Amino acid sequence: MDYETALLIPDDKIRMLIESERLKTFENWPNDTSSWECTPEKLAKAGFYFHPCEESIDNVCCLFCQKELDGWDPTDDPLAEHKKHSPTCPFLQLRSPVEDLTVLEFKRLIQKITLLKTDKVFDKTKEAFELQSKESRKAIVDNVLHNKLM
């Protein structure tokens, strides 16, 4: 894994920091926007951009915490769902839109995003290491037992 690249915000996603840019991603939103309270506008305002995948046609993602949510119901409140599923998200701590942040506030936001991404990369690496350790341990034990039986 290229850790340096994994911690950066990709060029094609950096614009998702801006609410109006997130809203543009909902052009092909599959849910009814006329009768639902859970609208693309509210999803974008809650920090999400539309990121459908094969498993979920209404999947959304937050650039700030990388939380993905799907299975939206007509009465869901996107901001409440975001708070429920990712209470430490840097987006939820913002007091003003990203475009109104001072340079120092923006720097701190990027630091928080990078810290969250670092935690996720570390967790994935740790999980992979633990799995490899378990498999290695089993192979060693199996080898020792096989040699004892011979």
N, C-alpha and C. Protein backbone atom coordinates (compact mmCIF):
# COMPACT_ATOMS: atom_id res chain seq x y z
N MET A 1 0.84 -1.18 0.00
CA MET A 1 0.00 0.00 0.00
C MET A 1 0.89 1.24 0.00
N ASP A 2 0.56 2.20 -0.84
CA ASP A 2 1.26 3.47 -0.88
C ASP A 2 0.63 4.38 0.17
N TYR A 3 1.24 4.41 1.36
CA TYR A 3 0.65 5.14 2.49
C TYR A 3 0.54 6.63 2.24
N GLU A 4 1.52 7.20 1.56
CA GLU A 4 1.48 8.64 1.30
C GLU A 4 0.27 8.99 0.44
N THR A 5 0.04 8.24 -0.61
CA THR A 5 -1.10 8.48 -1.48
C THR A 5 -2.41 8.22 -0.76
N ALA A 6 -2.44 7.21 0.09
CA ALA A 6 -3.67 6.86 0.82
C ALA A 6 -4.10 7.97 1.76
N LEU A 7 -3.19 8.81 2.19
CA LEU A 7 -3.52 9.87 3.13
C LEU A 7 -3.90 11.18 2.46
N LEU A 8 -3.69 11.28 1.18
CA LEU A 8 -4.04 12.50 0.46
C LEU A 8 -5.50 12.51 0.05
N ILE A 9 -6.04 13.69 -0.16
CA ILE A 9 -7.38 13.80 -0.74
C ILE A 9 -7.16 13.79 -2.25
N PRO A 10 -7.71 12.80 -2.94
CA PRO A 10 -7.49 12.72 -4.39
C PRO A 10 -7.96 13.99 -5.12
N ASP A 11 -7.26 14.34 -6.18
CA ASP A 11 -7.60 15.53 -6.96
C ASP A 11 -9.05 15.54 -7.41
N ASP A 12 -9.57 14.35 -7.79
CA ASP A 12 -10.94 14.30 -8.29
C ASP A 12 -11.98 14.40 -7.17
N LYS A 13 -11.53 14.36 -5.92
CA LYS A 13 -12.46 14.45 -4.78
C LYS A 13 -12.34 15.75 -4.00
N ILE A 14 -11.29 16.51 -4.21
CA ILE A 14 -11.05 17.72 -3.42
C ILE A 14 -12.23 18.70 -3.52
N ARG A 15 -12.89 18.72 -4.66
CA ARG A 15 -14.01 19.64 -4.82
C ARG A 15 -15.20 19.27 -3.94
N MET A 16 -15.22 18.03 -3.42
CA MET A 16 -16.31 17.59 -2.56
C MET A 16 -16.28 18.29 -1.19
N LEU A 17 -15.26 19.09 -0.95
CA LEU A 17 -15.24 19.91 0.26
C LEU A 17 -16.32 21.00 0.20
N ILE A 18 -16.74 21.35 -1.02
CA ILE A 18 -17.69 22.44 -1.23
C ILE A 18 -19.10 21.88 -1.44
N GLU A 19 -20.05 22.39 -0.68
CA GLU A 19 -21.43 21.89 -0.72
C GLU A 19 -22.03 21.91 -2.12
N SER A 20 -21.85 23.00 -2.86
CA SER A 20 -22.44 23.10 -4.20
C SER A 20 -21.87 22.03 -5.13
N GLU A 21 -20.63 21.66 -4.95
CA GLU A 21 -20.01 20.61 -5.76
C GLU A 21 -20.55 19.24 -5.37
N ARG A 22 -20.79 19.04 -4.07
CA ARG A 22 -21.38 17.77 -3.63
C ARG A 22 -22.78 17.61 -4.21
N LEU A 23 -23.52 18.69 -4.22
CA LEU A 23 -24.89 18.65 -4.74
C LEU A 23 -24.92 18.24 -6.21
N LYS A 24 -23.96 18.68 -6.98
CA LYS A 24 -23.90 18.33 -8.41
C LYS A 24 -23.81 16.82 -8.64
N THR A 25 -23.27 16.08 -7.68
CA THR A 25 -23.10 14.63 -7.85
C THR A 25 -24.43 13.89 -7.80
N PHE A 26 -25.47 14.54 -7.33
CA PHE A 26 -26.77 13.88 -7.16
C PHE A 26 -27.65 13.94 -8.41
N GLU A 27 -27.06 14.25 -9.54
CA GLU A 27 -27.82 14.37 -10.78
C GLU A 27 -28.64 13.11 -11.09
N ASN A 28 -28.08 11.94 -10.83
CA ASN A 28 -28.78 10.68 -11.11
C ASN A 28 -29.26 9.99 -9.83
N TRP A 29 -29.59 10.76 -8.82
CA TRP A 29 -30.08 10.22 -7.55
C TRP A 29 -31.31 9.37 -7.82
N PRO A 30 -31.34 8.13 -7.34
CA PRO A 30 -32.42 7.21 -7.71
C PRO A 30 -33.72 7.39 -6.91
N ASN A 31 -33.68 8.10 -5.80
CA ASN A 31 -34.87 8.22 -4.97
C ASN A 31 -35.73 9.41 -5.37
N ASP A 32 -36.99 9.35 -5.01
CA ASP A 32 -37.97 10.38 -5.35
C ASP A 32 -37.63 11.68 -4.62
N THR A 33 -37.33 12.72 -5.38
CA THR A 33 -36.97 13.98 -4.74
C THR A 33 -38.17 14.88 -4.50
N SER A 34 -39.32 14.53 -5.09
CA SER A 34 -40.48 15.41 -4.93
C SER A 34 -41.25 15.15 -3.64
N SER A 35 -41.26 13.90 -3.18
CA SER A 35 -42.06 13.60 -1.99
C SER A 35 -41.21 13.19 -0.78
N TRP A 36 -39.93 13.08 -0.96
CA TRP A 36 -39.05 12.66 0.14
C TRP A 36 -38.54 13.87 0.92
N GLU A 37 -38.39 13.68 2.22
CA GLU A 37 -37.74 14.69 3.05
C GLU A 37 -36.22 14.56 2.92
N CYS A 38 -35.76 13.35 2.63
CA CYS A 38 -34.34 13.07 2.45
C CYS A 38 -33.99 13.42 1.00
N THR A 39 -33.56 14.66 0.79
CA THR A 39 -33.32 15.17 -0.56
C THR A 39 -31.82 15.31 -0.84
N PRO A 40 -31.46 15.39 -2.11
CA PRO A 40 -30.06 15.65 -2.44
C PRO A 40 -29.52 16.92 -1.78
N GLU A 41 -30.34 17.95 -1.69
CA GLU A 41 -29.91 19.19 -1.05
C GLU A 41 -29.53 18.97 0.41
N LYS A 42 -30.36 18.20 1.12
CA LYS A 42 -30.08 17.93 2.53
C LYS A 42 -28.89 16.99 2.69
N LEU A 43 -28.73 16.05 1.77
CA LEU A 43 -27.58 15.15 1.81
C LEU A 43 -26.28 15.93 1.59
N ALA A 44 -26.27 16.81 0.60
CA ALA A 44 -25.07 17.63 0.32
C ALA A 44 -24.79 18.57 1.50
N LYS A 45 -25.83 19.15 2.06
CA LYS A 45 -25.66 20.05 3.20
C LYS A 45 -25.12 19.30 4.42
N ALA A 46 -25.42 18.00 4.52
CA ALA A 46 -24.95 17.17 5.63
C ALA A 46 -23.53 16.63 5.39
N GLY A 47 -22.92 17.02 4.26
CA GLY A 47 -21.53 16.64 4.01
C GLY A 47 -21.34 15.49 3.04
N PHE A 48 -22.44 14.98 2.46
CA PHE A 48 -22.34 13.80 1.61
C PHE A 48 -22.32 14.16 0.12
N TYR A 49 -21.65 13.32 -0.65
CA TYR A 49 -21.76 13.35 -2.10
C TYR A 49 -22.25 11.98 -2.55
N PHE A 50 -22.89 11.94 -3.70
CA PHE A 50 -23.47 10.71 -4.25
C PHE A 50 -22.35 9.84 -4.79
N HIS A 51 -22.31 8.60 -4.30
CA HIS A 51 -21.24 7.67 -4.68
C HIS A 51 -21.85 6.27 -4.82
N PRO A 52 -22.68 6.07 -5.88
CA PRO A 52 -23.34 4.77 -6.03
C PRO A 52 -22.33 3.67 -6.32
N CYS A 53 -22.71 2.47 -5.97
CA CYS A 53 -21.86 1.32 -6.26
C CYS A 53 -22.77 0.16 -6.66
N GLU A 54 -22.18 -0.92 -7.09
CA GLU A 54 -22.94 -2.07 -7.56
C GLU A 54 -23.88 -2.60 -6.48
N GLU A 55 -23.42 -2.59 -5.24
CA GLU A 55 -24.20 -3.14 -4.13
C GLU A 55 -25.29 -2.17 -3.65
N SER A 56 -25.15 -0.88 -3.94
CA SER A 56 -26.08 0.11 -3.40
C SER A 56 -26.22 1.30 -4.33
N ILE A 57 -27.41 1.43 -4.90
CA ILE A 57 -27.61 2.52 -5.86
C ILE A 57 -27.83 3.88 -5.19
N ASP A 58 -28.07 3.90 -3.86
CA ASP A 58 -28.24 5.19 -3.19
C ASP A 58 -27.14 5.46 -2.16
N ASN A 59 -25.96 4.93 -2.43
CA ASN A 59 -24.82 5.10 -1.52
C ASN A 59 -24.30 6.54 -1.59
N VAL A 60 -24.04 7.11 -0.42
CA VAL A 60 -23.42 8.42 -0.33
C VAL A 60 -22.17 8.30 0.53
N CYS A 61 -21.27 9.25 0.36
CA CYS A 61 -20.00 9.22 1.08
C CYS A 61 -19.67 10.61 1.60
N CYS A 62 -19.01 10.67 2.73
CA CYS A 62 -18.52 11.92 3.28
C CYS A 62 -17.01 11.98 3.03
N LEU A 63 -16.56 13.02 2.35
CA LEU A 63 -15.13 13.18 2.09
C LEU A 63 -14.37 13.41 3.39
N PHE A 64 -15.02 14.02 4.35
CA PHE A 64 -14.35 14.42 5.59
C PHE A 64 -14.01 13.24 6.49
N CYS A 65 -14.91 12.24 6.56
CA CYS A 65 -14.67 11.08 7.44
C CYS A 65 -14.69 9.74 6.69
N GLN A 66 -14.96 9.78 5.39
CA GLN A 66 -15.03 8.61 4.53
C GLN A 66 -16.18 7.65 4.91
N LYS A 67 -17.12 8.12 5.70
CA LYS A 67 -18.27 7.30 6.07
C LYS A 67 -19.18 7.17 4.85
N GLU A 68 -19.60 5.94 4.57
CA GLU A 68 -20.54 5.69 3.48
C GLU A 68 -21.84 5.20 4.09
N LEU A 69 -22.95 5.72 3.60
CA LEU A 69 -24.27 5.31 4.07
C LEU A 69 -25.16 5.05 2.86
N ASP A 70 -26.07 4.09 3.04
CA ASP A 70 -27.02 3.77 1.98
C ASP A 70 -28.33 3.31 2.60
N GLY A 71 -29.27 2.91 1.74
CA GLY A 71 -30.56 2.43 2.23
C GLY A 71 -31.41 3.55 2.80
N TRP A 72 -31.40 4.68 2.13
CA TRP A 72 -32.11 5.85 2.63
C TRP A 72 -33.62 5.66 2.56
N ASP A 73 -34.30 6.11 3.59
CA ASP A 73 -35.76 6.11 3.66
C ASP A 73 -36.27 7.53 3.43
N PRO A 74 -37.53 7.66 3.00
CA PRO A 74 -38.06 8.99 2.68
C PRO A 74 -37.98 10.00 3.83
N THR A 75 -38.08 9.52 5.07
CA THR A 75 -38.11 10.45 6.21
C THR A 75 -36.76 10.59 6.92
N ASP A 76 -35.72 9.95 6.40
CA ASP A 76 -34.40 10.06 7.03
C ASP A 76 -33.91 11.51 7.02
N ASP A 77 -33.24 11.88 8.10
CA ASP A 77 -32.60 13.18 8.22
C ASP A 77 -31.10 12.96 8.00
N PRO A 78 -30.55 13.37 6.86
CA PRO A 78 -29.15 13.10 6.56
C PRO A 78 -28.17 13.59 7.62
N LEU A 79 -28.40 14.78 8.17
CA LEU A 79 -27.49 15.30 9.19
C LEU A 79 -27.55 14.45 10.46
N ALA A 80 -28.73 14.07 10.87
CA ALA A 80 -28.88 13.21 12.06
C ALA A 80 -28.22 11.86 11.83
N GLU A 81 -28.37 11.30 10.63
CA GLU A 81 -27.74 10.02 10.31
C GLU A 81 -26.22 10.14 10.31
N HIS A 82 -25.72 11.25 9.80
CA HIS A 82 -24.28 11.48 9.78
C HIS A 82 -23.75 11.54 11.22
N LYS A 83 -24.43 12.29 12.06
CA LYS A 83 -24.02 12.41 13.47
C LYS A 83 -24.08 11.06 14.18
N LYS A 84 -25.09 10.28 13.86
CA LYS A 84 -25.28 8.97 14.49
C LYS A 84 -24.18 7.99 14.11
N HIS A 85 -23.81 7.98 12.83
CA HIS A 85 -22.88 6.98 12.32
C HIS A 85 -21.41 7.43 12.33
N SER A 86 -21.17 8.73 12.47
CA SER A 86 -19.79 9.23 12.47
C SER A 86 -19.68 10.48 13.34
N PRO A 87 -19.89 10.32 14.64
CA PRO A 87 -19.94 11.50 15.52
C PRO A 87 -18.65 12.32 15.59
N THR A 88 -17.53 11.74 15.23
CA THR A 88 -16.27 12.50 15.29
C THR A 88 -15.87 13.11 13.94
N CYS A 89 -16.76 13.08 12.99
CA CYS A 89 -16.46 13.63 11.65
C CYS A 89 -16.09 15.11 11.74
N PRO A 90 -14.97 15.50 11.12
CA PRO A 90 -14.57 16.92 11.13
C PRO A 90 -15.62 17.84 10.51
N PHE A 91 -16.37 17.35 9.55
CA PHE A 91 -17.42 18.18 8.93
C PHE A 91 -18.44 18.62 9.97
N LEU A 92 -18.79 17.73 10.86
CA LEU A 92 -19.80 18.04 11.87
C LEU A 92 -19.32 19.07 12.88
N GLN A 93 -18.02 19.30 12.93
CA GLN A 93 -17.45 20.27 13.87
C GLN A 93 -17.27 21.65 13.24
N LEU A 94 -17.52 21.75 11.93
CA LEU A 94 -17.35 23.05 11.26
C LEU A 94 -18.41 24.04 11.73
N ARG A 95 -17.98 25.29 11.86
CA ARG A 95 -18.91 26.36 12.27
C ARG A 95 -19.33 27.22 11.07
N SER A 96 -18.66 26.99 9.94
CA SER A 96 -19.00 27.73 8.72
C SER A 96 -18.63 26.88 7.52
N PRO A 97 -19.15 27.23 6.35
CA PRO A 97 -18.79 26.47 5.14
C PRO A 97 -17.28 26.49 4.89
N VAL A 98 -16.78 25.46 4.25
CA VAL A 98 -15.35 25.34 3.99
C VAL A 98 -14.81 26.57 3.27
N GLU A 99 -15.57 27.07 2.31
CA GLU A 99 -15.08 28.22 1.54
C GLU A 99 -14.95 29.50 2.38
N ASP A 100 -15.53 29.53 3.58
CA ASP A 100 -15.43 30.70 4.46
C ASP A 100 -14.39 30.53 5.57
N LEU A 101 -13.70 29.39 5.59
CA LEU A 101 -12.71 29.15 6.63
C LEU A 101 -11.48 30.02 6.42
N THR A 102 -10.83 30.39 7.52
CA THR A 102 -9.54 31.07 7.42
C THR A 102 -8.50 30.04 7.01
N VAL A 103 -7.33 30.49 6.64
CA VAL A 103 -6.27 29.56 6.26
C VAL A 103 -5.96 28.63 7.43
N LEU A 104 -5.89 29.16 8.63
CA LEU A 104 -5.59 28.34 9.81
C LEU A 104 -6.70 27.31 10.06
N GLU A 105 -7.95 27.73 9.94
CA GLU A 105 -9.08 26.80 10.13
C GLU A 105 -9.06 25.70 9.07
N PHE A 106 -8.74 26.08 7.82
CA PHE A 106 -8.67 25.10 6.75
C PHE A 106 -7.53 24.11 7.00
N LYS A 107 -6.40 24.61 7.45
CA LYS A 107 -5.26 23.74 7.78
C LYS A 107 -5.66 22.74 8.86
N ARG A 108 -6.35 23.19 9.88
CA ARG A 108 -6.78 22.30 10.96
C ARG A 108 -7.78 21.26 10.45
N LEU A 109 -8.66 21.68 9.54
CA LEU A 109 -9.62 20.74 8.96
C LEU A 109 -8.89 19.64 8.20
N ILE A 110 -7.93 20.02 7.37
CA ILE A 110 -7.16 19.04 6.61
C ILE A 110 -6.39 18.12 7.55
N GLN A 111 -5.87 18.66 8.63
CA GLN A 111 -5.18 17.82 9.62
C GLN A 111 -6.12 16.79 10.22
N LYS A 112 -7.34 17.20 10.54
CA LYS A 112 -8.32 16.27 11.12
C LYS A 112 -8.70 15.18 10.12
N ILE A 113 -8.90 15.59 8.88
CA ILE A 113 -9.23 14.61 7.83
C ILE A 113 -8.08 13.62 7.67
N THR A 114 -6.86 14.12 7.64
CA THR A 114 -5.68 13.26 7.49
C THR A 114 -5.53 12.33 8.68
N LEU A 115 -5.80 12.82 9.88
CA LEU A 115 -5.72 11.97 11.06
C LEU A 115 -6.73 10.83 10.99
N LEU A 116 -7.96 11.14 10.58
CA LEU A 116 -8.96 10.08 10.42
C LEU A 116 -8.53 9.07 9.37
N LYS A 117 -8.01 9.55 8.25
CA LYS A 117 -7.55 8.64 7.20
C LYS A 117 -6.38 7.80 7.70
N THR A 118 -5.49 8.41 8.48
CA THR A 118 -4.36 7.67 9.06
C THR A 118 -4.86 6.55 9.95
N ASP A 119 -5.84 6.85 10.78
CA ASP A 119 -6.43 5.82 11.66
C ASP A 119 -7.01 4.67 10.84
N LYS A 120 -7.70 5.00 9.75
CA LYS A 120 -8.30 3.95 8.91
C LYS A 120 -7.22 3.10 8.23
N VAL A 121 -6.18 3.76 7.72
CA VAL A 121 -5.08 3.02 7.08
C VAL A 121 -4.41 2.13 8.12
N PHE A 122 -4.17 2.66 9.31
CA PHE A 122 -3.54 1.88 10.37
C PHE A 122 -4.42 0.67 10.73
N ASP A 123 -5.72 0.89 10.87
CA ASP A 123 -6.63 -0.21 11.22
C ASP A 123 -6.61 -1.31 10.16
N LYS A 124 -6.62 -0.92 8.88
CA LYS A 124 -6.58 -1.92 7.81
C LYS A 124 -5.25 -2.68 7.82
N THR A 125 -4.16 -1.96 8.03
CA THR A 125 -2.84 -2.59 8.07
C THR A 125 -2.76 -3.54 9.26
N LYS A 126 -3.28 -3.11 10.39
CA LYS A 126 -3.27 -3.94 11.59
C LYS A 126 -4.09 -5.22 11.37
N GLU A 127 -5.27 -5.07 10.76
CA GLU A 127 -6.11 -6.24 10.48
C GLU A 127 -5.39 -7.22 9.56
N ALA A 128 -4.75 -6.71 8.51
CA ALA A 128 -4.02 -7.57 7.58
C ALA A 128 -2.86 -8.27 8.30
N PHE A 129 -2.15 -7.53 9.15
CA PHE A 129 -1.04 -8.12 9.90
C PHE A 129 -1.53 -9.21 10.84
N GLU A 130 -2.64 -8.95 11.55
CA GLU A 130 -3.18 -9.93 12.49
C GLU A 130 -3.62 -11.20 11.76
N LEU A 131 -4.23 -11.04 10.59
CA LEU A 131 -4.64 -12.20 9.80
C LEU A 131 -3.42 -12.99 9.33
N GLN A 132 -2.42 -12.29 8.84
CA GLN A 132 -1.19 -12.97 8.40
C GLN A 132 -0.52 -13.67 9.57
N SER A 133 -0.50 -13.03 10.74
CA SER A 133 0.10 -13.64 11.93
C SER A 133 -0.64 -14.91 12.33
N LYS A 134 -1.95 -14.86 12.27
CA LYS A 134 -2.77 -16.02 12.62
C LYS A 134 -2.49 -17.18 11.67
N GLU A 135 -2.43 -16.87 10.37
CA GLU A 135 -2.15 -17.90 9.38
C GLU A 135 -0.74 -18.48 9.56
N SER A 136 0.22 -17.61 9.84
CA SER A 136 1.60 -18.07 10.06
C SER A 136 1.68 -18.94 11.30
N ARG A 137 1.02 -18.51 12.36
CA ARG A 137 1.03 -19.28 13.60
C ARG A 137 0.44 -20.67 13.37
N LYS A 138 -0.66 -20.74 12.63
CA LYS A 138 -1.30 -22.03 12.33
C LYS A 138 -0.36 -22.91 11.51
N ALA A 139 0.31 -22.32 10.52
CA ALA A 139 1.24 -23.10 9.69
C ALA A 139 2.39 -23.64 10.53
N ILE A 140 2.89 -22.84 11.45
CA ILE A 140 3.98 -23.29 12.33
C ILE A 140 3.51 -24.44 13.22
N VAL A 141 2.35 -24.27 13.84
CA VAL A 141 1.81 -25.32 14.72
C VAL A 141 1.56 -26.59 13.92
N ASP A 142 0.95 -26.44 12.75
CA ASP A 142 0.69 -27.63 11.90
C ASP A 142 2.00 -28.32 11.53
N ASN A 143 3.03 -27.55 11.21
CA ASN A 143 4.33 -28.10 10.85
C ASN A 143 4.96 -28.84 12.03
N VAL A 144 4.90 -28.22 13.22
CA VAL A 144 5.46 -28.86 14.42
C VAL A 144 4.71 -30.15 14.71
N LEU A 145 3.39 -30.14 14.65
CA LEU A 145 2.60 -31.34 14.92
C LEU A 145 2.89 -32.42 13.87
N HIS A 146 3.04 -32.05 12.64
CA HIS A 146 3.33 -32.99 11.55
C HIS A 146 4.69 -33.65 11.80
N ASN A 147 5.67 -32.84 12.21
CA ASN A 147 7.02 -33.39 12.48
C ASN A 147 7.03 -34.28 13.70
N LYS A 148 6.19 -34.01 14.68
CA LYS A 148 6.12 -34.85 15.88
C LYS A 148 5.55 -36.23 15.55
N LEU A 149 4.61 -36.25 14.63
CA LEU A 149 3.96 -37.49 14.27
C LEU A 149 4.86 -38.38 13.41
N MET A 150 5.89 -37.85 12.86
CA MET A 150 6.78 -38.62 11.98
C MET A 150 7.82 -39.36 12.71
